[in-house]
């Protein structure tokens, strides 16, 4: 099999079937675990390769229902050095793509299939810098805010100043990046 047929999405059906079996679920039970948002027929079609284009919403619903991170369905994480054609004749492997999916593009590189020693670094741009900054800042903000929420019940207010200052600084930074930190209540199930 050439790299043309060896794309990261190849095998998503097999991965879905494998994780569904590991969860000891039938396709109908998995459908029910997605609150019916993904039918048993669609699950069967994905697993049998009749549906290869899985939407982000489907990936998230299936991952949540199975209790696996979305990257476990999207990529063959059990083959970290499997090479793929990713775009424009460039190749990379599962391990590199996993890091990129997690927002760590600092070490990400692609190579030409006819010269795997010639690594082309991930393109850097203002968009790369801004998206990385947002991912890192949101992650740090969430961790610090959750820690602060738990600590409020345990420690006196005087001991929480550093964490409060950090949350405030990160809030300002994220707002300057155009990030909406408003906590939006769920409007209920999507229709």
N, C-alpha and C. Protein backbone atom coordinates (compact mmCIF):
# COMPACT_ATOMS: atom_id res chain seq x y z
N UNK A 1 0.85 -1.18 0.00
CA UNK A 1 0.00 0.00 0.00
C UNK A 1 0.89 1.24 0.00
N UNK A 2 0.67 2.14 -0.97
CA UNK A 2 1.44 3.37 -1.04
C UNK A 2 0.94 4.38 -0.04
N UNK A 3 1.72 5.45 0.09
CA UNK A 3 1.33 6.49 1.03
C UNK A 3 0.03 7.16 0.62
N UNK A 4 -0.30 7.16 -0.68
CA UNK A 4 -1.55 7.79 -1.13
C UNK A 4 -2.76 7.16 -0.44
N UNK A 5 -2.75 5.83 -0.29
CA UNK A 5 -3.87 5.13 0.36
C UNK A 5 -3.68 5.06 1.87
N UNK A 6 -2.55 5.51 2.34
CA UNK A 6 -2.22 5.41 3.76
C UNK A 6 -2.35 6.79 4.39
N UNK A 7 -3.57 7.21 4.63
CA UNK A 7 -3.82 8.51 5.23
C UNK A 7 -4.17 8.33 6.70
N UNK A 8 -4.03 9.40 7.50
CA UNK A 8 -4.34 9.28 8.93
C UNK A 8 -5.75 8.77 9.20
N UNK A 9 -6.71 9.12 8.34
CA UNK A 9 -8.10 8.71 8.57
C UNK A 9 -8.34 7.24 8.21
N UNK A 10 -7.43 6.64 7.45
CA UNK A 10 -7.58 5.23 7.09
C UNK A 10 -7.60 4.40 8.37
N UNK A 11 -8.59 3.57 8.54
CA UNK A 11 -8.66 2.70 9.71
C UNK A 11 -9.50 3.23 10.84
N UNK A 12 -10.15 4.38 10.66
CA UNK A 12 -10.98 4.92 11.76
C UNK A 12 -12.09 3.94 12.11
N UNK A 13 -12.64 3.25 11.11
CA UNK A 13 -13.70 2.27 11.37
C UNK A 13 -13.21 1.11 12.21
N UNK A 14 -12.03 0.61 11.90
CA UNK A 14 -11.45 -0.49 12.69
C UNK A 14 -11.17 -0.03 14.11
N UNK A 15 -10.67 1.21 14.25
CA UNK A 15 -10.41 1.72 15.61
C UNK A 15 -11.70 1.87 16.39
N UNK A 16 -12.75 2.38 15.74
CA UNK A 16 -14.04 2.53 16.40
C UNK A 16 -14.56 1.16 16.85
N UNK A 17 -14.52 0.18 15.96
CA UNK A 17 -15.00 -1.17 16.31
C UNK A 17 -14.19 -1.75 17.46
N UNK A 18 -12.88 -1.55 17.43
CA UNK A 18 -12.01 -2.07 18.48
C UNK A 18 -12.36 -1.45 19.84
N UNK A 19 -12.47 -0.14 19.90
CA UNK A 19 -12.78 0.52 21.18
C UNK A 19 -14.20 0.20 21.63
N UNK A 20 -15.11 0.02 20.69
CA UNK A 20 -16.48 -0.36 21.06
C UNK A 20 -16.48 -1.75 21.70
N UNK A 21 -15.71 -2.68 21.11
CA UNK A 21 -15.62 -4.03 21.70
C UNK A 21 -14.93 -3.99 23.06
N UNK A 22 -13.87 -3.17 23.18
CA UNK A 22 -13.18 -3.04 24.47
C UNK A 22 -14.12 -2.49 25.54
N UNK A 23 -15.06 -1.64 25.13
CA UNK A 23 -16.04 -1.08 26.06
C UNK A 23 -17.20 -2.05 26.29
N UNK A 24 -17.13 -3.21 25.61
CA UNK A 24 -18.16 -4.24 25.73
C UNK A 24 -19.54 -3.69 25.37
N UNK A 25 -19.59 -2.96 24.24
CA UNK A 25 -20.84 -2.35 23.79
C UNK A 25 -21.20 -2.86 22.40
N UNK A 26 -22.48 -3.02 22.18
CA UNK A 26 -22.96 -3.29 20.83
C UNK A 26 -23.06 -1.94 20.11
N UNK A 27 -23.25 -1.98 18.80
CA UNK A 27 -23.41 -0.73 18.05
C UNK A 27 -24.65 0.02 18.54
N UNK A 28 -25.70 -0.71 18.88
CA UNK A 28 -26.92 -0.07 19.40
C UNK A 28 -26.66 0.58 20.76
N UNK A 29 -25.91 -0.10 21.62
CA UNK A 29 -25.58 0.47 22.93
C UNK A 29 -24.72 1.73 22.79
N UNK A 30 -23.80 1.69 21.82
CA UNK A 30 -22.98 2.88 21.58
C UNK A 30 -23.86 4.02 21.07
N UNK A 31 -24.78 3.71 20.18
CA UNK A 31 -25.71 4.73 19.70
C UNK A 31 -26.49 5.33 20.86
N UNK A 32 -26.98 4.48 21.73
CA UNK A 32 -27.72 4.97 22.91
C UNK A 32 -26.84 5.83 23.81
N UNK A 33 -25.55 5.46 23.92
CA UNK A 33 -24.62 6.22 24.75
C UNK A 33 -24.34 7.60 24.16
N UNK A 34 -24.62 7.78 22.86
CA UNK A 34 -24.50 9.11 22.25
C UNK A 34 -25.84 9.83 22.29
N UNK A 35 -26.74 9.33 23.11
CA UNK A 35 -28.12 9.86 23.20
C UNK A 35 -28.82 9.82 21.84
N UNK A 36 -28.45 8.83 21.05
CA UNK A 36 -29.08 8.64 19.75
C UNK A 36 -28.61 9.63 18.69
N UNK A 37 -27.64 10.44 19.01
CA UNK A 37 -27.15 11.42 18.03
C UNK A 37 -26.43 10.76 16.87
N UNK A 38 -25.90 9.56 17.12
CA UNK A 38 -25.28 8.79 16.05
C UNK A 38 -25.99 7.44 16.02
N UNK A 39 -26.63 7.17 14.92
CA UNK A 39 -27.44 5.95 14.83
C UNK A 39 -26.57 4.70 14.75
N UNK A 40 -27.19 3.58 15.05
CA UNK A 40 -26.51 2.29 14.94
C UNK A 40 -26.05 2.08 13.50
N UNK A 41 -26.85 2.51 12.53
CA UNK A 41 -26.51 2.35 11.12
C UNK A 41 -25.27 3.15 10.76
N UNK A 42 -25.19 4.38 11.24
CA UNK A 42 -24.00 5.21 10.97
C UNK A 42 -22.78 4.58 11.61
N UNK A 43 -22.92 4.10 12.84
CA UNK A 43 -21.79 3.43 13.52
C UNK A 43 -21.34 2.23 12.70
N UNK A 44 -22.28 1.43 12.25
CA UNK A 44 -21.97 0.26 11.43
C UNK A 44 -21.28 0.68 10.13
N UNK A 45 -21.77 1.74 9.51
CA UNK A 45 -21.18 2.21 8.25
C UNK A 45 -19.75 2.71 8.46
N UNK A 46 -19.50 3.38 9.58
CA UNK A 46 -18.13 3.83 9.88
C UNK A 46 -17.24 2.60 10.09
N UNK A 47 -17.71 1.67 10.90
CA UNK A 47 -16.90 0.49 11.21
C UNK A 47 -16.60 -0.35 9.97
N UNK A 48 -17.53 -0.41 9.04
CA UNK A 48 -17.34 -1.22 7.83
C UNK A 48 -16.69 -0.46 6.69
N UNK A 49 -16.32 0.81 6.92
CA UNK A 49 -15.63 1.58 5.90
C UNK A 49 -16.53 2.21 4.85
N UNK A 50 -17.84 2.06 5.00
CA UNK A 50 -18.77 2.67 4.04
C UNK A 50 -18.89 4.17 4.29
N UNK A 51 -18.57 4.62 5.49
CA UNK A 51 -18.55 6.05 5.82
C UNK A 51 -17.17 6.36 6.36
N UNK A 52 -16.38 7.06 5.55
CA UNK A 52 -15.01 7.38 5.95
C UNK A 52 -14.90 8.81 6.47
N UNK A 53 -15.81 9.68 6.07
CA UNK A 53 -15.76 11.08 6.48
C UNK A 53 -16.56 11.26 7.77
N UNK A 54 -15.85 11.19 8.88
CA UNK A 54 -16.47 11.35 10.20
C UNK A 54 -16.35 12.81 10.59
N UNK A 55 -17.46 13.43 10.97
CA UNK A 55 -17.43 14.84 11.34
C UNK A 55 -16.79 15.01 12.72
N UNK A 56 -16.41 16.23 13.02
CA UNK A 56 -15.86 16.52 14.34
C UNK A 56 -16.90 16.22 15.41
N UNK A 57 -18.16 16.59 15.16
CA UNK A 57 -19.22 16.31 16.13
C UNK A 57 -19.35 14.80 16.38
N UNK A 58 -19.33 14.02 15.31
CA UNK A 58 -19.43 12.56 15.46
C UNK A 58 -18.23 12.02 16.24
N UNK A 59 -17.04 12.52 15.91
CA UNK A 59 -15.83 12.08 16.60
C UNK A 59 -15.93 12.36 18.10
N UNK A 60 -16.40 13.54 18.44
CA UNK A 60 -16.53 13.91 19.86
C UNK A 60 -17.59 13.06 20.56
N UNK A 61 -18.75 12.89 19.94
CA UNK A 61 -19.82 12.07 20.55
C UNK A 61 -19.35 10.63 20.77
N UNK A 62 -18.72 10.05 19.75
CA UNK A 62 -18.26 8.67 19.87
C UNK A 62 -17.17 8.54 20.92
N UNK A 63 -16.23 9.47 20.92
CA UNK A 63 -15.14 9.42 21.90
C UNK A 63 -15.66 9.54 23.32
N UNK A 64 -16.59 10.46 23.52
CA UNK A 64 -17.17 10.65 24.85
C UNK A 64 -17.92 9.39 25.30
N UNK A 65 -18.71 8.82 24.40
CA UNK A 65 -19.48 7.62 24.74
C UNK A 65 -18.57 6.43 25.05
N UNK A 66 -17.42 6.37 24.38
CA UNK A 66 -16.49 5.26 24.60
C UNK A 66 -15.49 5.53 25.73
N UNK A 67 -15.39 6.79 26.13
CA UNK A 67 -14.44 7.15 27.18
C UNK A 67 -13.00 7.16 26.70
N UNK A 68 -12.80 7.52 25.42
CA UNK A 68 -11.45 7.61 24.87
C UNK A 68 -11.24 9.02 24.34
N UNK A 69 -10.00 9.51 24.33
CA UNK A 69 -9.77 10.83 23.74
C UNK A 69 -10.02 10.77 22.23
N UNK A 70 -10.50 11.84 21.63
CA UNK A 70 -10.77 11.84 20.19
C UNK A 70 -9.58 11.41 19.33
N UNK A 71 -8.36 11.73 19.77
CA UNK A 71 -7.19 11.36 18.99
C UNK A 71 -7.06 9.84 18.87
N UNK A 72 -7.60 9.09 19.83
CA UNK A 72 -7.52 7.63 19.78
C UNK A 72 -8.36 7.07 18.64
N UNK A 73 -9.44 7.76 18.28
CA UNK A 73 -10.22 7.34 17.12
C UNK A 73 -9.64 7.92 15.83
N UNK A 74 -9.16 9.16 15.89
CA UNK A 74 -8.70 9.85 14.69
C UNK A 74 -7.39 9.29 14.14
N UNK A 75 -6.51 8.81 15.01
CA UNK A 75 -5.19 8.34 14.59
C UNK A 75 -4.90 6.96 15.16
N UNK A 76 -4.08 6.19 14.46
CA UNK A 76 -3.69 4.87 14.98
C UNK A 76 -2.61 5.00 16.06
N UNK A 77 -3.04 5.35 17.28
CA UNK A 77 -2.08 5.62 18.35
C UNK A 77 -1.28 4.38 18.74
N UNK A 78 -1.74 3.21 18.33
CA UNK A 78 -1.00 1.98 18.61
C UNK A 78 0.14 1.76 17.62
N UNK A 79 0.28 2.64 16.62
CA UNK A 79 1.36 2.59 15.65
C UNK A 79 2.00 3.98 15.57
N UNK A 80 2.76 4.37 16.60
CA UNK A 80 3.26 5.75 16.67
C UNK A 80 4.19 6.15 15.53
N UNK A 81 4.85 5.19 14.89
CA UNK A 81 5.80 5.55 13.84
C UNK A 81 5.29 5.19 12.45
N UNK A 82 4.00 4.94 12.34
CA UNK A 82 3.38 4.71 11.04
C UNK A 82 3.39 6.02 10.25
N UNK A 83 3.84 5.97 9.02
CA UNK A 83 3.96 7.16 8.20
C UNK A 83 2.72 7.35 7.33
N UNK A 84 2.37 8.62 7.15
CA UNK A 84 1.20 8.99 6.36
C UNK A 84 1.53 10.12 5.42
N UNK A 85 0.82 10.14 4.30
CA UNK A 85 0.83 11.34 3.48
C UNK A 85 -0.19 12.27 4.11
N UNK A 86 0.23 13.47 4.49
CA UNK A 86 -0.69 14.37 5.15
C UNK A 86 -1.23 15.44 4.22
N UNK A 87 -0.40 15.95 3.33
CA UNK A 87 -0.86 16.95 2.36
C UNK A 87 0.28 17.33 1.44
N UNK A 88 -0.06 17.80 0.28
CA UNK A 88 0.93 18.33 -0.67
C UNK A 88 2.14 17.41 -0.86
N UNK A 89 1.94 16.12 -0.79
CA UNK A 89 3.04 15.19 -0.95
C UNK A 89 3.97 15.10 0.25
N UNK A 90 3.57 15.72 1.37
CA UNK A 90 4.37 15.65 2.59
C UNK A 90 3.89 14.53 3.48
N UNK A 91 4.81 13.94 4.21
CA UNK A 91 4.50 12.82 5.08
C UNK A 91 4.88 13.15 6.52
N UNK A 92 4.22 12.46 7.44
CA UNK A 92 4.57 12.53 8.85
C UNK A 92 4.15 11.21 9.46
N UNK A 93 4.29 11.08 10.79
CA UNK A 93 3.89 9.83 11.42
C UNK A 93 2.91 10.11 12.56
N UNK A 94 2.34 9.05 13.07
CA UNK A 94 1.32 9.15 14.11
C UNK A 94 1.81 9.94 15.32
N UNK A 95 3.01 9.66 15.80
CA UNK A 95 3.53 10.33 17.00
C UNK A 95 3.59 11.84 16.79
N UNK A 96 4.08 12.26 15.63
CA UNK A 96 4.15 13.70 15.33
C UNK A 96 2.75 14.30 15.25
N UNK A 97 1.84 13.60 14.59
CA UNK A 97 0.47 14.10 14.46
C UNK A 97 -0.24 14.16 15.81
N UNK A 98 0.03 13.20 16.70
CA UNK A 98 -0.57 13.23 18.04
C UNK A 98 -0.14 14.49 18.78
N UNK A 99 1.14 14.81 18.72
CA UNK A 99 1.62 16.03 19.37
C UNK A 99 0.94 17.26 18.79
N UNK A 100 0.81 17.28 17.48
CA UNK A 100 0.19 18.42 16.81
C UNK A 100 -1.28 18.55 17.21
N UNK A 101 -1.99 17.41 17.26
CA UNK A 101 -3.38 17.42 17.70
C UNK A 101 -3.51 17.99 19.10
N UNK A 102 -2.52 17.79 19.95
CA UNK A 102 -2.55 18.25 21.33
C UNK A 102 -2.05 19.68 21.47
N UNK A 103 -1.82 20.35 20.34
CA UNK A 103 -1.41 21.75 20.38
C UNK A 103 0.08 21.95 20.52
N UNK A 104 0.86 20.89 20.38
CA UNK A 104 2.31 21.01 20.48
C UNK A 104 2.91 20.86 19.10
N UNK A 105 3.05 21.97 18.40
CA UNK A 105 3.61 21.90 17.05
C UNK A 105 5.08 22.26 17.03
N UNK A 106 5.69 22.46 18.21
CA UNK A 106 7.08 22.89 18.25
C UNK A 106 8.02 21.86 17.63
N UNK A 107 7.71 20.59 17.77
CA UNK A 107 8.59 19.57 17.21
C UNK A 107 8.03 18.92 15.97
N UNK A 108 6.87 19.39 15.53
CA UNK A 108 6.20 18.76 14.40
C UNK A 108 6.97 19.02 13.12
N UNK A 109 7.15 17.97 12.34
CA UNK A 109 7.79 18.12 11.05
C UNK A 109 7.20 17.15 10.06
N UNK A 110 7.35 17.47 8.80
CA UNK A 110 6.91 16.59 7.73
C UNK A 110 8.09 16.35 6.81
N UNK A 111 8.02 15.30 6.02
CA UNK A 111 9.13 14.99 5.13
C UNK A 111 8.58 14.55 3.79
N UNK A 112 9.42 14.62 2.78
CA UNK A 112 9.06 14.16 1.44
C UNK A 112 9.21 12.64 1.42
N UNK A 113 8.24 11.91 0.83
CA UNK A 113 8.33 10.45 0.84
C UNK A 113 9.59 9.91 0.18
N UNK A 114 10.11 10.63 -0.82
CA UNK A 114 11.31 10.13 -1.50
C UNK A 114 12.60 10.51 -0.77
N UNK A 115 12.50 11.35 0.29
CA UNK A 115 13.69 11.73 1.07
C UNK A 115 13.30 11.94 2.53
N UNK A 116 13.09 10.84 3.30
CA UNK A 116 12.66 10.97 4.69
C UNK A 116 13.67 11.66 5.60
N UNK A 117 14.91 11.87 5.13
CA UNK A 117 15.89 12.56 5.97
C UNK A 117 15.74 14.07 5.87
N UNK A 118 15.00 14.54 4.89
CA UNK A 118 14.81 15.97 4.68
C UNK A 118 13.53 16.42 5.38
N UNK A 119 13.62 16.75 6.65
CA UNK A 119 12.45 17.14 7.44
C UNK A 119 12.12 18.60 7.19
N UNK A 120 10.87 18.84 6.90
CA UNK A 120 10.38 20.20 6.70
C UNK A 120 9.63 20.61 7.95
N UNK A 121 10.06 21.64 8.66
CA UNK A 121 9.36 22.02 9.89
C UNK A 121 7.95 22.48 9.60
N UNK A 122 7.11 22.33 10.60
CA UNK A 122 5.74 22.82 10.51
C UNK A 122 5.77 24.30 10.18
N UNK A 123 4.98 24.74 9.21
CA UNK A 123 5.01 26.15 8.85
C UNK A 123 4.69 27.04 10.05
N UNK A 124 5.47 28.05 10.25
CA UNK A 124 5.27 28.99 11.35
C UNK A 124 4.70 30.28 10.79
N UNK A 125 3.75 30.84 11.47
CA UNK A 125 3.14 32.09 11.06
C UNK A 125 2.57 32.76 12.29
N UNK A 126 2.01 33.92 12.09
CA UNK A 126 1.33 34.60 13.20
C UNK A 126 0.18 33.72 13.70
N UNK A 127 -0.53 33.06 12.78
CA UNK A 127 -1.63 32.18 13.17
C UNK A 127 -1.13 31.05 14.06
N UNK A 128 0.04 30.50 13.74
CA UNK A 128 0.63 29.43 14.56
C UNK A 128 0.90 29.94 15.96
N UNK A 129 1.54 31.10 16.02
CA UNK A 129 1.90 31.67 17.33
C UNK A 129 0.65 31.98 18.15
N UNK A 130 -0.36 32.59 17.52
CA UNK A 130 -1.58 32.95 18.24
C UNK A 130 -2.32 31.71 18.70
N UNK A 131 -2.48 30.72 17.82
CA UNK A 131 -3.21 29.51 18.22
C UNK A 131 -2.49 28.78 19.34
N UNK A 132 -1.16 28.69 19.27
CA UNK A 132 -0.39 28.05 20.35
C UNK A 132 -0.54 28.82 21.65
N UNK A 133 -0.50 30.14 21.58
CA UNK A 133 -0.65 30.97 22.77
C UNK A 133 -2.03 30.78 23.39
N UNK A 134 -3.06 30.71 22.55
CA UNK A 134 -4.42 30.50 23.06
C UNK A 134 -4.53 29.14 23.74
N UNK A 135 -4.05 28.09 23.08
CA UNK A 135 -4.12 26.74 23.65
C UNK A 135 -3.40 26.68 25.00
N UNK A 136 -2.18 27.20 25.05
CA UNK A 136 -1.42 27.16 26.30
C UNK A 136 -2.06 28.01 27.38
N UNK A 137 -2.54 29.19 27.03
CA UNK A 137 -3.14 30.09 28.02
C UNK A 137 -4.47 29.56 28.54
N UNK A 138 -5.30 29.02 27.64
CA UNK A 138 -6.58 28.46 28.09
C UNK A 138 -6.34 27.26 29.00
N UNK A 139 -5.38 26.42 28.64
CA UNK A 139 -5.04 25.26 29.47
C UNK A 139 -4.58 25.71 30.86
N UNK A 140 -3.68 26.68 30.90
CA UNK A 140 -3.17 27.18 32.18
C UNK A 140 -4.27 27.89 32.97
N UNK A 141 -5.10 28.67 32.29
CA UNK A 141 -6.21 29.37 32.94
C UNK A 141 -7.16 28.36 33.59
N UNK A 142 -7.54 27.34 32.82
CA UNK A 142 -8.48 26.33 33.32
C UNK A 142 -7.91 25.61 34.54
N UNK A 143 -6.66 25.19 34.47
CA UNK A 143 -6.03 24.49 35.60
C UNK A 143 -5.97 25.38 36.84
N UNK A 144 -5.53 26.63 36.65
CA UNK A 144 -5.39 27.55 37.77
C UNK A 144 -6.74 27.91 38.37
N UNK A 145 -7.73 28.17 37.52
CA UNK A 145 -9.07 28.53 38.01
C UNK A 145 -9.70 27.36 38.77
N UNK A 146 -9.52 26.13 38.27
CA UNK A 146 -10.06 24.97 38.97
C UNK A 146 -9.36 24.77 40.31
N UNK A 147 -8.06 24.93 40.33
CA UNK A 147 -7.30 24.82 41.58
C UNK A 147 -7.77 25.88 42.57
N UNK A 148 -7.97 27.09 42.10
CA UNK A 148 -8.44 28.18 42.95
C UNK A 148 -9.83 27.88 43.49
N UNK A 149 -10.72 27.36 42.64
CA UNK A 149 -12.07 27.01 43.09
C UNK A 149 -12.04 25.97 44.22
N UNK A 150 -11.14 24.99 44.10
CA UNK A 150 -11.03 23.96 45.15
C UNK A 150 -10.37 24.52 46.40
N UNK A 151 -9.40 25.41 46.22
CA UNK A 151 -8.64 25.94 47.35
C UNK A 151 -9.45 26.91 48.20
N UNK A 152 -10.43 27.57 47.61
CA UNK A 152 -11.24 28.55 48.35
C UNK A 152 -11.89 27.92 49.58
N UNK A 153 -12.29 26.66 49.45
CA UNK A 153 -12.94 25.97 50.57
C UNK A 153 -11.94 25.48 51.62
N UNK A 154 -10.65 25.45 51.28
CA UNK A 154 -9.65 24.86 52.16
C UNK A 154 -8.76 25.90 52.83
N UNK A 155 -8.33 26.89 52.06
CA UNK A 155 -7.34 27.85 52.55
C UNK A 155 -7.97 29.21 52.83
N UNK A 156 -7.36 29.98 53.73
CA UNK A 156 -7.86 31.34 53.97
C UNK A 156 -7.62 32.21 52.72
N UNK A 157 -8.44 33.22 52.55
CA UNK A 157 -8.36 34.10 51.38
C UNK A 157 -6.97 34.70 51.21
N UNK A 158 -6.29 34.98 52.32
CA UNK A 158 -4.96 35.59 52.24
C UNK A 158 -3.94 34.69 51.55
N UNK A 159 -4.17 33.39 51.55
CA UNK A 159 -3.22 32.44 50.94
C UNK A 159 -3.47 32.24 49.45
N UNK A 160 -4.53 32.84 48.93
CA UNK A 160 -4.92 32.59 47.54
C UNK A 160 -4.51 33.70 46.59
N UNK A 161 -3.81 34.71 47.08
CA UNK A 161 -3.46 35.87 46.27
C UNK A 161 -2.72 35.56 45.00
N UNK A 162 -1.70 34.70 45.06
CA UNK A 162 -0.91 34.38 43.86
C UNK A 162 -1.77 33.73 42.79
N UNK A 163 -2.60 32.78 43.19
CA UNK A 163 -3.47 32.10 42.22
C UNK A 163 -4.48 33.07 41.64
N UNK A 164 -5.04 33.94 42.47
CA UNK A 164 -6.01 34.92 41.97
C UNK A 164 -5.34 35.88 40.98
N UNK A 165 -4.12 36.31 41.30
CA UNK A 165 -3.38 37.18 40.39
C UNK A 165 -3.09 36.49 39.06
N UNK A 166 -2.75 35.21 39.14
CA UNK A 166 -2.46 34.45 37.92
C UNK A 166 -3.71 34.32 37.05
N UNK A 167 -4.85 34.01 37.67
CA UNK A 167 -6.10 33.91 36.93
C UNK A 167 -6.45 35.26 36.31
N UNK A 168 -6.26 36.34 37.06
CA UNK A 168 -6.55 37.67 36.55
C UNK A 168 -5.64 38.01 35.36
N UNK A 169 -4.36 37.73 35.48
CA UNK A 169 -3.40 37.99 34.40
C UNK A 169 -3.75 37.18 33.16
N UNK A 170 -4.04 35.89 33.36
CA UNK A 170 -4.40 35.03 32.23
C UNK A 170 -5.72 35.47 31.60
N UNK A 171 -6.67 35.91 32.42
CA UNK A 171 -7.95 36.41 31.89
C UNK A 171 -7.71 37.59 30.97
N UNK A 172 -6.91 38.54 31.42
CA UNK A 172 -6.61 39.73 30.60
C UNK A 172 -5.91 39.33 29.30
N UNK A 173 -4.96 38.41 29.42
CA UNK A 173 -4.22 37.96 28.25
C UNK A 173 -5.17 37.32 27.23
N UNK A 174 -6.04 36.44 27.70
CA UNK A 174 -6.98 35.76 26.81
C UNK A 174 -7.99 36.73 26.21
N UNK A 175 -8.47 37.66 27.00
CA UNK A 175 -9.40 38.67 26.47
C UNK A 175 -8.72 39.50 25.39
N UNK A 176 -7.44 39.83 25.58
CA UNK A 176 -6.69 40.56 24.56
C UNK A 176 -6.51 39.75 23.28
N UNK A 177 -6.51 38.43 23.41
CA UNK A 177 -6.42 37.56 22.24
C UNK A 177 -7.79 37.32 21.60
N UNK A 178 -8.83 37.95 22.18
CA UNK A 178 -10.18 37.82 21.62
C UNK A 178 -10.92 36.59 22.09
N UNK A 179 -10.51 36.00 23.20
CA UNK A 179 -11.14 34.78 23.71
C UNK A 179 -12.27 35.15 24.65
N UNK A 180 -13.44 34.55 24.42
CA UNK A 180 -14.62 34.78 25.24
C UNK A 180 -14.58 33.81 26.42
N UNK A 181 -14.38 34.34 27.62
CA UNK A 181 -14.29 33.51 28.82
C UNK A 181 -15.62 33.38 29.54
N UNK A 182 -16.69 33.85 28.89
CA UNK A 182 -18.01 33.73 29.48
C UNK A 182 -18.39 32.26 29.58
N UNK A 183 -18.91 31.87 30.72
CA UNK A 183 -19.39 30.49 30.89
C UNK A 183 -20.83 30.46 30.38
N UNK A 184 -21.01 29.78 29.26
CA UNK A 184 -22.32 29.70 28.63
C UNK A 184 -23.04 28.46 29.09
N UNK A 185 -24.23 28.61 29.67
CA UNK A 185 -24.96 27.40 30.05
C UNK A 185 -25.41 26.66 28.80
N UNK A 186 -25.53 25.38 28.93
CA UNK A 186 -25.99 24.57 27.82
C UNK A 186 -27.41 24.95 27.46
N UNK A 187 -27.66 25.03 26.18
CA UNK A 187 -29.01 25.29 25.70
C UNK A 187 -29.80 23.98 25.56
N UNK A 188 -29.24 22.92 26.06
CA UNK A 188 -29.89 21.62 25.91
C UNK A 188 -29.36 20.91 24.69
N UNK A 189 -29.92 19.77 24.38
CA UNK A 189 -29.44 18.98 23.26
C UNK A 189 -29.59 19.73 21.93
N UNK A 190 -28.59 19.53 21.07
CA UNK A 190 -28.67 20.12 19.74
C UNK A 190 -29.76 19.41 18.96
N UNK A 191 -30.40 20.17 18.12
CA UNK A 191 -31.45 19.54 17.30
C UNK A 191 -30.96 19.18 15.94
